[in-house]
């Protein structure tokens, strides 16, 4: 099958690449590209984060007394997925463990990703299947990067994120990719986060107690995007330190290792633990308006 596949609905067109099972283009009804086109400031579009989100201390996974090299956000984003199904409005891809993955992550798994267009919505569904004989410990995250501004010529400061609920909880930040022990006051006022490049001078914002299950990214004019999620527990918001023309809205199950944690992987905070033969399903949806 081909390297990429395009889905079309009444108000949306989405292109998915076999490499990383990554969404690489998202256009609205008038053809405007809404997704960051992997420019030199960050050479990705919407990578899938698996089997970890963020970093492990010393980029090392510890399991049953052995150590394995595991780089930030895991390996799924750099692997070619197999096409399972390709249709005009839906497609499915899968990644299974092999000799290469087991050298870095000593678990048996199957990760299925299904993209479906429905009108002006794109749904992204994940199924993690434990195909092995021991408990599967893992994290999973979406990382879609949207053009910021969505309408060329608008100031970045014209945009805000509006959450479905008030978000009073403090946020978390990172030091060298690891979670700081202290939470910090949130810059979200009620349900609204006014956007500016300066928000990301200290890297990503991590909402590890997010109350909402959706957020809207919009200015007073031009296209708007709503991201909603199911099964995910945390949310990352990120743009490049120093400024870049994208904003990432990232539903996560899991987060980077706390600065002080250097134990067995199964004991790391934030993981899902899937029994042998079981599966865990999560998803997020992008609505274009």
Protein backbone atom coordinates (compact mmCIF):
# COMPACT_ATOMS: atom_id res chain seq x y z
CA UNK A 1 0.00 0.00 0.00
CA UNK A 2 1.01 3.64 -0.41
CA UNK A 3 3.04 5.77 1.99
CA UNK A 4 0.04 8.02 2.70
CA UNK A 5 -3.73 8.04 2.47
CA UNK A 6 -6.21 10.93 2.35
CA UNK A 7 -9.67 10.87 3.93
CA UNK A 8 -12.38 13.32 2.85
CA UNK A 9 -15.57 14.42 4.56
CA UNK A 10 -18.06 17.21 3.88
CA UNK A 11 -15.91 19.83 5.60
CA UNK A 12 -12.47 18.32 6.04
CA UNK A 13 -9.61 16.48 4.32
CA UNK A 14 -7.00 14.60 6.34
CA UNK A 15 -3.82 12.90 5.10
CA UNK A 16 -2.21 10.16 7.17
CA UNK A 17 1.31 8.80 6.65
CA UNK A 18 2.37 5.21 7.25
CA UNK A 19 5.54 6.57 8.88
CA UNK A 20 4.58 6.99 12.51
CA UNK A 21 0.87 6.65 11.59
CA UNK A 22 1.11 10.43 11.64
CA UNK A 23 -1.51 12.93 10.56
CA UNK A 24 0.38 15.09 8.06
CA UNK A 25 -2.28 17.41 6.64
CA UNK A 26 -5.63 18.74 7.83
CA UNK A 27 -7.57 21.06 5.52
CA UNK A 28 -10.95 22.67 6.02
CA UNK A 29 -13.71 23.02 3.43
CA UNK A 30 -12.04 25.95 1.66
CA UNK A 31 -8.69 24.17 1.49
CA UNK A 32 -6.90 26.07 4.24
CA UNK A 33 -4.11 23.99 5.81
CA UNK A 34 -4.59 23.92 9.59
CA UNK A 35 -1.76 21.59 10.56
CA UNK A 36 1.87 22.62 11.01
CA UNK A 37 3.81 21.47 7.97
CA UNK A 38 6.93 20.15 9.74
CA UNK A 39 9.10 23.22 9.18
CA UNK A 40 12.72 23.49 10.34
CA UNK A 41 11.79 24.74 13.80
CA UNK A 42 10.15 21.36 14.50
CA UNK A 43 10.17 18.64 11.83
CA UNK A 44 6.94 16.87 12.78
CA UNK A 45 3.17 17.32 12.31
CA UNK A 46 1.26 15.25 14.89
CA UNK A 47 3.44 12.44 16.24
CA UNK A 48 2.08 9.57 18.32
CA UNK A 49 3.81 9.26 21.68
CA UNK A 50 4.26 5.60 22.68
CA UNK A 51 5.24 3.73 24.82
CA UNK A 52 6.19 6.75 26.91
CA UNK A 53 5.17 10.39 27.09
CA UNK A 54 8.04 12.74 27.84
CA UNK A 55 11.39 11.51 29.11
CA UNK A 56 12.67 8.85 31.47
CA UNK A 57 15.58 9.73 33.72
CA UNK A 58 18.84 9.25 31.79
CA UNK A 59 16.68 8.05 28.86
CA UNK A 60 16.76 4.61 30.48
CA UNK A 61 13.93 2.13 31.05
CA UNK A 62 14.43 -0.30 33.95
CA UNK A 63 12.56 -3.61 33.94
CA UNK A 64 13.24 -6.74 35.99
CA UNK A 65 16.74 -5.59 36.83
CA UNK A 66 17.75 -4.85 33.22
CA UNK A 67 18.13 -1.48 31.50
CA UNK A 68 16.95 -0.46 28.04
CA UNK A 69 17.59 2.76 26.05
CA UNK A 70 14.38 4.74 25.62
CA UNK A 71 14.44 8.21 24.13
CA UNK A 72 11.92 10.99 24.69
CA UNK A 73 8.32 10.19 23.66
CA UNK A 74 9.20 6.63 22.67
CA UNK A 75 9.70 4.99 19.29
CA UNK A 76 6.26 4.78 17.65
CA UNK A 77 6.64 8.17 15.96
CA UNK A 78 9.75 6.88 14.16
CA UNK A 79 8.40 3.50 13.03
CA UNK A 80 6.49 2.65 9.89
CA UNK A 81 3.03 1.28 10.72
CA UNK A 82 1.31 -1.37 8.61
CA UNK A 83 -1.90 -0.45 6.82
CA UNK A 84 -4.80 -2.58 8.06
CA UNK A 85 -7.64 -0.80 6.26
CA UNK A 86 -7.93 2.08 3.78
CA UNK A 87 -11.28 3.59 2.84
CA UNK A 88 -12.60 6.97 1.67
CA UNK A 89 -13.57 8.08 5.19
CA UNK A 90 -11.60 5.80 7.50
CA UNK A 91 -8.28 4.01 7.73
CA UNK A 92 -6.51 1.86 10.29
CA UNK A 93 -2.80 1.27 10.91
CA UNK A 94 -1.00 -1.01 13.34
CA UNK A 95 2.41 -1.41 14.96
CA UNK A 96 3.46 -4.63 16.69
CA UNK A 97 6.51 -5.47 18.74
CA UNK A 98 9.53 -6.93 16.99
CA UNK A 99 13.23 -7.48 17.63
CA UNK A 100 13.95 -3.76 17.33
CA UNK A 101 11.25 -2.63 19.77
CA UNK A 102 12.09 -5.35 22.30
CA UNK A 103 15.68 -4.09 22.45
CA UNK A 104 14.23 -0.86 23.85
CA UNK A 105 10.94 -1.94 25.40
CA UNK A 106 10.71 -5.55 26.60
CA UNK A 107 6.95 -5.96 26.18
CA UNK A 108 4.69 -7.59 23.60
CA UNK A 109 2.04 -5.24 22.21
CA UNK A 110 -0.10 -4.22 19.26
CA UNK A 111 -0.91 -0.53 18.82
CA UNK A 112 -3.81 0.17 16.45
CA UNK A 113 -4.64 3.68 15.23
CA UNK A 114 -7.91 4.41 13.40
CA UNK A 115 -8.62 7.73 11.67
CA UNK A 116 -12.23 8.54 10.71
CA UNK A 117 -13.69 11.68 9.13
CA UNK A 118 -17.26 12.60 10.01
CA UNK A 119 -18.44 15.86 8.48
CA UNK A 120 -15.94 18.44 9.72
CA UNK A 121 -14.57 16.16 12.45
CA UNK A 122 -11.52 13.93 12.45
CA UNK A 123 -11.60 11.18 15.05
CA UNK A 124 -8.36 9.47 16.10
CA UNK A 125 -8.88 6.19 18.00
CA UNK A 126 -6.15 4.16 19.70
CA UNK A 127 -6.26 0.56 20.88
CA UNK A 128 -3.34 -0.85 22.83
CA UNK A 129 -3.48 -4.64 23.01
CA UNK A 130 -1.35 -6.68 25.40
CA UNK A 131 -0.31 -9.67 23.29
CA UNK A 132 2.15 -10.96 25.90
CA UNK A 133 2.09 -12.98 29.10
CA UNK A 134 3.00 -10.18 31.56
CA UNK A 135 1.29 -6.90 32.44
CA UNK A 136 1.91 -4.24 29.79
CA UNK A 137 2.98 -0.90 31.28
CA UNK A 138 2.79 2.03 28.89
CA UNK A 139 1.84 5.63 28.24
CA UNK A 140 0.26 7.12 25.14
CA UNK A 141 -0.10 10.65 23.85
CA UNK A 142 -1.34 12.66 20.90
CA UNK A 143 0.78 15.61 19.77
CA UNK A 144 -1.04 17.48 16.97
CA UNK A 145 0.55 20.82 16.03
CA UNK A 146 -1.83 23.40 14.60
CA UNK A 147 -0.81 26.47 12.67
CA UNK A 148 -0.67 29.50 14.96
CA UNK A 149 -2.12 31.74 13.69
CA UNK A 150 -4.73 29.63 11.88
CA UNK A 151 -5.57 32.64 9.70
CA UNK A 152 -2.40 34.11 8.17
CA UNK A 153 -1.88 37.73 9.12
CA UNK A 154 -3.59 37.57 12.51
CA UNK A 155 -1.46 38.21 15.58
CA UNK A 156 -0.73 35.20 17.76
CA UNK A 157 -2.08 37.17 20.71
CA UNK A 158 -5.49 37.27 19.02
CA UNK A 159 -5.89 33.59 19.93
CA UNK A 160 -7.02 31.90 23.12
CA UNK A 161 -7.74 28.42 24.38
CA UNK A 162 -11.21 28.13 25.91
CA UNK A 163 -11.79 25.02 28.01
CA UNK A 164 -15.15 23.35 28.50
CA UNK A 165 -14.84 23.91 32.27
CA UNK A 166 -12.97 26.23 34.59
CA UNK A 167 -9.41 25.02 35.17
CA UNK A 168 -8.34 26.20 38.64
CA UNK A 169 -5.73 23.50 39.31
CA UNK A 170 -2.03 24.36 39.23
CA UNK A 171 0.10 23.26 36.29
CA UNK A 172 3.38 21.36 36.06
CA UNK A 173 6.59 22.26 34.27
CA UNK A 174 9.75 20.43 33.24
CA UNK A 175 13.45 20.67 33.96
CA UNK A 176 15.58 19.04 31.26
CA UNK A 177 12.51 17.08 30.22
CA UNK A 178 11.69 15.72 33.69
CA UNK A 179 8.73 16.72 35.88
CA UNK A 180 9.52 19.24 38.60
CA UNK A 181 8.31 18.27 42.07
CA UNK A 182 6.49 21.55 42.71
CA UNK A 183 3.30 22.58 40.93
CA UNK A 184 2.94 26.17 39.74
CA UNK A 185 0.00 28.61 39.57
CA UNK A 186 -1.93 28.26 36.34
CA UNK A 187 -2.08 31.14 33.84
CA UNK A 188 -5.61 29.99 32.89
CA UNK A 189 -8.20 32.53 34.04
CA UNK A 190 -11.46 30.70 34.66
CA UNK A 191 -11.78 28.66 31.48
CA UNK A 192 -9.68 30.89 29.20
CA UNK A 193 -5.97 30.81 28.46
CA UNK A 194 -4.85 33.92 26.59
CA UNK A 195 -2.09 32.78 24.24
CA UNK A 196 1.32 34.34 23.77
CA UNK A 197 4.77 33.08 22.91
CA UNK A 198 5.97 33.97 26.43
CA UNK A 199 3.80 31.20 27.91
CA UNK A 200 6.35 28.71 26.55
CA UNK A 201 9.55 30.40 27.68
CA UNK A 202 9.64 27.67 30.34
CA UNK A 203 8.76 24.87 27.90
CA UNK A 204 5.46 22.97 27.90
CA UNK A 205 2.50 23.58 30.18
CA UNK A 206 1.26 20.31 31.69
CA UNK A 207 -2.27 20.04 33.07
CA UNK A 208 -2.11 16.91 35.21
CA UNK A 209 -5.45 17.70 36.90
CA UNK A 210 -7.41 18.87 33.87
CA UNK A 211 -11.14 19.15 34.56
CA UNK A 212 -12.28 19.51 30.96
CA UNK A 213 -12.55 16.96 28.18
CA UNK A 214 -12.35 19.53 25.36
CA UNK A 215 -10.73 22.85 24.47
CA UNK A 216 -11.33 25.36 21.66
CA UNK A 217 -8.47 27.11 19.85
CA UNK A 218 -9.70 30.26 18.12
CA UNK A 219 -9.50 33.98 17.50
CA UNK A 220 -12.45 36.31 16.97
CA UNK A 221 -12.26 35.60 13.23
CA UNK A 222 -11.06 32.85 10.92
CA UNK A 223 -11.03 29.08 11.42
CA UNK A 224 -11.44 27.53 14.86
CA UNK A 225 -10.44 24.11 16.14
CA UNK A 226 -11.91 22.14 19.01
CA UNK A 227 -9.97 19.20 20.42
CA UNK A 228 -11.85 16.75 22.64
CA UNK A 229 -10.55 13.56 24.21
CA UNK A 230 -11.65 10.34 25.85
CA UNK A 231 -9.63 8.00 28.00
CA UNK A 232 -6.76 10.46 28.30
CA UNK A 233 -6.08 11.95 31.74
CA UNK A 234 -3.59 14.77 31.20
CA UNK A 235 -3.10 17.56 28.68
CA UNK A 236 0.08 19.14 27.37
CA UNK A 237 0.20 22.53 25.65
CA UNK A 238 3.41 23.42 23.85
CA UNK A 239 5.12 25.62 21.36
CA UNK A 240 8.79 26.14 20.68
CA UNK A 241 10.76 28.23 23.14
CA UNK A 242 11.55 31.51 21.40
CA UNK A 243 8.47 31.33 19.18
CA UNK A 244 7.27 29.21 16.28
CA UNK A 245 4.18 29.27 14.08
CA UNK A 246 2.46 26.30 15.74
CA UNK A 247 0.60 25.35 18.89
CA UNK A 248 0.41 21.76 20.12
CA UNK A 249 -2.68 20.57 22.00
CA UNK A 250 -1.71 17.16 23.38
CA UNK A 251 -4.04 14.67 25.11
CA UNK A 252 -1.89 12.37 27.24
CA UNK A 253 -2.16 9.29 29.38
CA UNK A 254 1.06 9.67 31.30
CA UNK A 255 3.84 12.24 31.58
CA UNK A 256 7.59 12.56 31.98
CA UNK A 257 9.31 10.92 34.92
CA UNK A 258 9.47 13.05 38.05
CA UNK A 259 12.96 14.47 38.54
CA UNK A 260 13.49 12.24 41.58
CA UNK A 261 12.22 8.97 40.03
CA UNK A 262 14.75 6.41 38.79
CA UNK A 263 13.07 3.10 39.65
CA UNK A 264 11.54 0.17 37.81
CA UNK A 265 9.45 1.28 34.84
CA UNK A 266 6.31 -0.45 36.14
CA UNK A 267 6.47 1.78 39.22
CA UNK A 268 6.70 5.03 37.27
CA UNK A 269 3.81 7.43 37.98
CA UNK A 270 1.30 7.99 35.19
CA UNK A 271 1.37 4.64 33.39
CA UNK A 272 -1.52 2.43 32.30
CA UNK A 273 -1.17 -1.24 33.21
CA UNK A 274 -2.87 -3.63 30.79
CA UNK A 275 -3.43 -7.27 31.73
CA UNK A 276 -2.36 -10.08 29.36
CA UNK A 277 -4.90 -10.44 26.54
CA UNK A 278 -6.62 -7.14 27.42
CA UNK A 279 -6.80 -3.87 25.50
CA UNK A 280 -7.10 -0.21 26.41
CA UNK A 281 -8.94 2.22 24.15
CA UNK A 282 -8.44 5.99 24.02
CA UNK A 283 -9.07 8.69 21.47
CA UNK A 284 -9.29 12.32 20.56
CA UNK A 285 -11.35 14.27 18.05
CA UNK A 286 -10.55 17.40 16.09
CA UNK A 287 -13.53 19.52 15.05
CA UNK A 288 -12.96 22.23 12.44
CA UNK A 289 -15.28 25.23 12.29
